[in-house]
Amino acid sequence: MCNSAGLDLSVVIHRRIGTITNKNNVICCGLIIAAVTPLNVPFWLTTLATCGGFMFSRLTFRAGGITHSLNAAVSARLIVFFFRLPHSVEWLTNAGVDGWSGATPLQARKICVVLQQHCSDYSLNELFSGRWSGAPGEVPMAAIFVAAVVLRVSGLIRLSPMLWGLLGFCLAWCVSQGGGTDALLQHALMKSFLFALVFMLRNHFTGQLPAGYQCTHAFIYGGLCVLFRCYGPFAEGTLLSLIFAQLITGMIIIFHRHMIPVVDP
């Protein structure tokens, strides 16, 4: 019920206040909000986050010849993040909380690292089926792969940004963690990294960018996701990686266009 509120409210917002001119974009953002909102989020917070996400996405500014704004789904998830700020690994450890009881696999693994204990690996079957709690879009990796193939065949997404995002993830992992193919695969298939790589990198901001900048944005996102997961206070780093990747890409564009002025034909 709570997750369906994202799609319902997005259509209401479209009809009543006209915040988005393309109904297809509204429906897509509503579906993504429903997919990235944890099932245990109360209805009132889902409502507030959905409305606030679409309102916040209308705040734009132009710099470097690009209109900068946050995607409505990212904005809505950010609101949920601040209202339900996840406990840091240090807090869980100091409070003596059992990190394995109902914890996401990333949280459990990070607590293992902090406590210097061995982390049990998941089988490929468990990784693809997602047998743990979490938001609907974060769990079933097999469904994400199927959706990626359908979207690619339909021409709705480009393959190169996704490959560059995976490359950024792998390079950052090898540099920061010194390799380890099994651990790399475990982290890549856990939680929402792949979901965001397929569904959330294509938005109004990246839609304005040339292909090279789109790949740069995806590469930065992949690298930041590893850094936030390994060195950040929280186990998951997708949301923060999306926000900071857009910020860094925007700064690169502004700097590049100030250094090399672009003359329109």
Protein backbone atom coordinates (compact mmCIF):
# COMPACT_ATOMS: atom_id res chain seq x y z
CA MET A 1 0.00 0.00 0.00
CA CYS A 2 2.75 2.43 0.97
CA ASN A 3 4.77 1.72 -2.16
CA SER A 4 1.76 2.17 -4.46
CA ALA A 5 1.37 5.65 -3.02
CA GLY A 6 4.38 6.82 -5.02
CA LEU A 7 2.73 6.13 -8.38
CA ASP A 8 -0.73 7.32 -7.31
CA LEU A 9 0.53 10.58 -5.87
CA SER A 10 2.72 11.31 -8.87
CA VAL A 11 -0.31 11.16 -11.18
CA VAL A 12 -2.33 13.37 -8.81
CA ILE A 13 0.48 15.92 -8.72
CA HIS A 14 0.62 15.88 -12.51
CA ARG A 15 -3.11 16.50 -12.86
CA ARG A 16 -3.61 19.04 -10.07
CA ILE A 17 -0.62 21.32 -10.07
CA GLY A 18 1.11 20.52 -13.35
CA THR A 19 4.59 20.23 -11.92
CA ILE A 20 5.66 17.83 -14.70
CA THR A 21 4.66 18.26 -18.32
CA ASN A 22 5.40 14.72 -19.50
CA LYS A 23 3.03 12.16 -17.98
CA ASN A 24 5.34 9.28 -18.91
CA ASN A 25 8.12 10.83 -16.82
CA VAL A 26 5.72 11.15 -13.89
CA ILE A 27 4.71 7.50 -14.08
CA CYS A 28 8.33 6.35 -14.40
CA CYS A 29 9.40 8.44 -11.40
CA GLY A 30 6.42 7.14 -9.44
CA LEU A 31 7.38 3.54 -10.19
CA ILE A 32 11.00 4.18 -9.20
CA ILE A 33 9.90 5.85 -5.94
CA ALA A 34 7.78 2.77 -5.18
CA ALA A 35 10.73 0.51 -5.99
CA VAL A 36 13.33 2.29 -3.83
CA THR A 37 11.11 2.98 -0.81
CA PRO A 38 11.54 0.32 1.91
CA LEU A 39 8.39 -1.65 2.68
CA ASN A 40 8.43 -0.67 6.36
CA VAL A 41 8.19 3.08 5.63
CA PRO A 42 4.85 4.41 6.97
CA PHE A 43 2.24 5.70 4.55
CA TRP A 44 2.45 9.30 5.76
CA LEU A 45 6.19 9.42 5.10
CA THR A 46 5.77 7.86 1.64
CA THR A 47 3.17 10.53 0.88
CA LEU A 48 5.34 13.35 2.17
CA ALA A 49 8.42 12.07 0.35
CA THR A 50 6.60 11.66 -2.97
CA CYS A 51 5.05 15.14 -2.87
CA GLY A 52 8.27 16.71 -1.62
CA GLY A 53 10.35 14.84 -4.18
CA PHE A 54 8.36 16.19 -7.12
CA MET A 55 8.31 19.69 -5.64
CA PHE A 56 12.04 19.65 -4.95
CA SER A 57 12.79 18.39 -8.46
CA ARG A 58 11.33 21.62 -9.82
CA LEU A 59 14.11 23.66 -8.19
CA THR A 60 16.57 24.21 -11.02
CA PHE A 61 19.43 26.49 -11.96
CA ARG A 62 21.57 26.84 -15.06
CA ALA A 63 25.34 26.70 -15.03
CA GLY A 64 27.78 25.69 -17.72
CA GLY A 65 24.97 25.63 -20.27
CA ILE A 66 23.20 22.82 -18.34
CA THR A 67 20.00 22.93 -16.29
CA HIS A 68 20.81 21.35 -12.92
CA SER A 69 18.13 19.62 -10.84
CA LEU A 70 17.66 16.49 -8.77
CA ASN A 71 15.53 13.65 -10.06
CA ALA A 72 12.16 13.38 -8.29
CA ALA A 73 12.82 9.78 -7.23
CA VAL A 74 16.24 10.68 -5.79
CA SER A 75 14.70 13.67 -3.99
CA ALA A 76 11.92 11.52 -2.52
CA ARG A 77 14.38 8.85 -1.33
CA LEU A 78 16.55 11.60 0.19
CA ILE A 79 13.59 12.81 2.24
CA VAL A 80 12.99 9.27 3.52
CA PHE A 81 16.73 9.00 4.26
CA PHE A 82 16.69 12.08 6.51
CA PHE A 83 13.48 11.10 8.31
CA ARG A 84 14.70 7.54 8.87
CA LEU A 85 18.43 8.06 9.13
CA PRO A 86 20.05 4.61 9.19
CA HIS A 87 22.13 3.71 12.20
CA SER A 88 25.83 3.82 11.54
CA VAL A 89 27.88 0.68 11.98
CA GLU A 90 29.69 2.27 14.93
CA TRP A 91 26.34 2.93 16.65
CA LEU A 92 25.21 -0.66 16.17
CA THR A 93 28.51 -2.01 17.47
CA ASN A 94 28.64 0.24 20.54
CA ALA A 95 25.00 -0.39 21.39
CA GLY A 96 25.51 -4.13 21.24
CA VAL A 97 22.79 -4.56 18.63
CA ASP A 98 22.75 -7.87 16.79
CA GLY A 99 23.65 -6.73 13.30
CA TRP A 100 22.55 -10.01 11.72
CA SER A 101 18.94 -9.98 12.92
CA GLY A 102 16.94 -8.61 10.02
CA ALA A 103 19.93 -6.66 8.74
CA THR A 104 20.64 -6.16 5.09
CA PRO A 105 23.59 -8.20 3.77
CA LEU A 106 25.70 -5.08 3.30
CA GLN A 107 25.11 -4.02 6.89
CA ALA A 108 25.96 -7.48 8.17
CA ARG A 109 29.18 -7.58 6.14
CA LYS A 110 30.24 -4.13 7.29
CA ILE A 111 29.71 -5.04 10.93
CA CYS A 112 31.81 -8.16 10.34
CA VAL A 113 34.62 -5.97 9.00
CA VAL A 114 34.41 -3.58 11.96
CA LEU A 115 34.46 -6.48 14.42
CA GLN A 116 37.21 -8.18 12.39
CA GLN A 117 35.14 -11.32 12.00
CA HIS A 118 34.73 -13.61 9.00
CA CYS A 119 31.85 -12.72 6.68
CA SER A 120 29.96 -15.62 5.14
CA ASP A 121 29.45 -15.34 1.39
CA TYR A 122 26.14 -15.69 -0.40
CA SER A 123 25.66 -18.13 -3.25
CA LEU A 124 24.89 -16.82 -6.74
CA ASN A 125 21.38 -18.21 -6.37
CA GLU A 126 20.83 -16.17 -3.22
CA LEU A 127 22.35 -13.07 -4.80
CA PHE A 128 20.14 -13.23 -7.88
CA SER A 129 16.96 -14.12 -5.99
CA GLY A 130 17.62 -11.62 -3.20
CA ARG A 131 16.48 -13.59 -0.18
CA TRP A 132 16.65 -10.74 2.31
CA SER A 133 14.59 -7.77 3.37
CA GLY A 134 14.80 -4.42 1.63
CA ALA A 135 13.12 -2.15 -0.87
CA PRO A 136 11.45 -4.00 -3.80
CA GLY A 137 13.86 -2.59 -6.36
CA GLU A 138 16.97 -3.48 -4.37
CA VAL A 139 16.36 -7.18 -3.89
CA PRO A 140 15.66 -9.21 -7.08
CA MET A 141 18.85 -8.97 -9.16
CA ALA A 142 17.48 -11.39 -11.76
CA ALA A 143 14.53 -9.07 -12.41
CA ILE A 144 16.88 -6.11 -12.78
CA PHE A 145 18.96 -7.96 -15.37
CA VAL A 146 15.84 -8.90 -17.35
CA ALA A 147 14.56 -5.31 -17.21
CA ALA A 148 17.95 -4.02 -18.38
CA VAL A 149 17.85 -6.32 -21.42
CA VAL A 150 14.28 -5.27 -22.28
CA LEU A 151 15.09 -1.57 -21.95
CA ARG A 152 18.25 -1.93 -24.02
CA VAL A 153 16.50 -3.85 -26.80
CA SER A 154 13.74 -1.21 -26.77
CA GLY A 155 16.34 1.53 -27.15
CA LEU A 156 15.32 3.27 -23.91
CA ILE A 157 18.75 3.06 -22.27
CA ARG A 158 22.31 3.12 -23.57
CA LEU A 159 24.78 0.36 -22.80
CA SER A 160 27.96 2.47 -22.59
CA PRO A 161 27.07 4.45 -19.39
CA MET A 162 26.22 1.21 -17.59
CA LEU A 163 29.52 -0.35 -18.64
CA TRP A 164 31.41 2.73 -17.49
CA GLY A 165 29.55 2.62 -14.18
CA LEU A 166 30.58 -1.00 -13.71
CA LEU A 167 34.15 -0.08 -14.65
CA GLY A 168 34.22 2.70 -12.05
CA PHE A 169 32.87 0.30 -9.43
CA CYS A 170 35.47 -2.37 -10.25
CA LEU A 171 38.43 0.03 -10.40
CA ALA A 172 37.50 1.72 -7.12
CA TRP A 173 37.13 -1.70 -5.51
CA CYS A 174 40.52 -2.91 -6.75
CA VAL A 175 42.27 0.30 -5.64
CA SER A 176 40.62 0.53 -2.22
CA GLN A 177 40.29 -3.17 -1.37
CA GLY A 178 43.15 -4.70 -3.36
CA GLY A 179 41.07 -6.97 -5.56
CA GLY A 180 39.15 -10.07 -4.52
CA THR A 181 36.77 -11.22 -7.27
CA ASP A 182 34.35 -13.01 -4.94
CA ALA A 183 33.98 -10.04 -2.59
CA LEU A 184 33.63 -7.68 -5.58
CA LEU A 185 30.82 -9.79 -7.01
CA GLN A 186 29.11 -9.96 -3.63
CA HIS A 187 29.11 -6.16 -3.28
CA ALA A 188 28.08 -5.50 -6.88
CA LEU A 189 25.03 -7.76 -6.62
CA MET A 190 23.91 -6.53 -3.20
CA LYS A 191 21.35 -3.80 -2.65
CA SER A 192 20.61 -0.98 -5.08
CA PHE A 193 23.84 -0.34 -7.02
CA LEU A 194 22.67 -2.19 -10.15
CA PHE A 195 19.12 -0.90 -9.83
CA ALA A 196 20.33 2.70 -9.91
CA LEU A 197 22.77 1.89 -12.70
CA VAL A 198 19.90 0.66 -14.89
CA PHE A 199 17.00 2.89 -13.89
CA MET A 200 18.25 6.05 -12.16
CA LEU A 201 21.21 7.35 -14.17
CA ARG A 202 18.97 8.49 -17.01
CA ASN A 203 17.22 11.69 -15.92
CA HIS A 204 16.69 15.30 -16.97
CA PHE A 205 20.23 16.25 -15.97
CA THR A 206 22.05 13.45 -17.79
CA GLY A 207 19.66 13.69 -20.74
CA GLN A 208 21.23 17.06 -21.59
CA LEU A 209 24.77 15.72 -21.55
CA PRO A 210 26.83 14.49 -24.50
CA ALA A 211 27.63 10.78 -24.51
CA GLY A 212 31.10 11.36 -23.05
CA TYR A 213 29.77 13.24 -20.03
CA GLN A 214 27.09 10.59 -19.48
CA CYS A 215 29.79 7.94 -19.28
CA THR A 216 31.85 10.17 -16.97
CA HIS A 217 28.84 10.61 -14.68
CA ALA A 218 28.25 6.84 -14.58
CA PHE A 219 31.95 6.15 -13.93
CA ILE A 220 31.98 8.61 -11.01
CA TYR A 221 28.79 7.04 -9.62
CA GLY A 222 30.29 3.55 -9.68
CA GLY A 223 33.50 4.66 -7.98
CA LEU A 224 31.71 6.69 -5.30
CA CYS A 225 29.40 3.80 -4.47
CA VAL A 226 32.39 1.67 -3.47
CA LEU A 227 33.99 4.49 -1.47
CA PHE A 228 30.81 5.31 0.44
CA ARG A 229 30.21 1.64 1.20
CA CYS A 230 33.76 0.95 2.36
CA TYR A 231 34.60 4.20 4.17
CA GLY A 232 31.26 5.89 4.87
CA PRO A 233 29.37 5.62 8.16
CA PHE A 234 26.50 3.67 6.57
CA ALA A 235 26.48 0.29 4.88
CA GLU A 236 24.72 1.46 1.69
CA GLY A 237 26.07 4.26 -0.50
CA THR A 238 23.86 4.38 -3.60
CA LEU A 239 21.78 7.44 -2.72
CA LEU A 240 24.73 9.57 -1.68
CA SER A 241 26.69 8.36 -4.72
CA LEU A 242 23.92 9.48 -7.09
CA ILE A 243 23.80 12.94 -5.54
CA PHE A 244 27.55 13.51 -5.37
CA ALA A 245 28.13 12.04 -8.85
CA GLN A 246 25.76 14.62 -10.30
CA LEU A 247 27.40 17.39 -8.27
CA ILE A 248 30.93 16.41 -9.35
CA THR A 249 29.88 15.98 -13.00
CA GLY A 250 28.25 19.41 -12.94
CA MET A 251 31.43 20.97 -11.54
CA ILE A 252 33.51 19.24 -14.24
CA ILE A 253 31.21 20.60 -16.95
CA ILE A 254 31.32 24.14 -15.58
CA PHE A 255 35.10 24.05 -15.22
CA HIS A 256 35.58 22.53 -18.68
CA ARG A 257 33.36 25.05 -20.41
CA HIS A 258 34.99 27.97 -18.61
CA MET A 259 38.43 26.74 -19.60
CA ILE A 260 37.37 25.86 -23.17
CA PRO A 261 34.49 28.15 -24.19
CA VAL A 262 31.97 26.35 -26.39
CA VAL A 263 30.71 28.35 -29.35
CA ASP A 264 27.26 27.32 -30.56
CA PRO A 265 27.10 26.76 -34.34
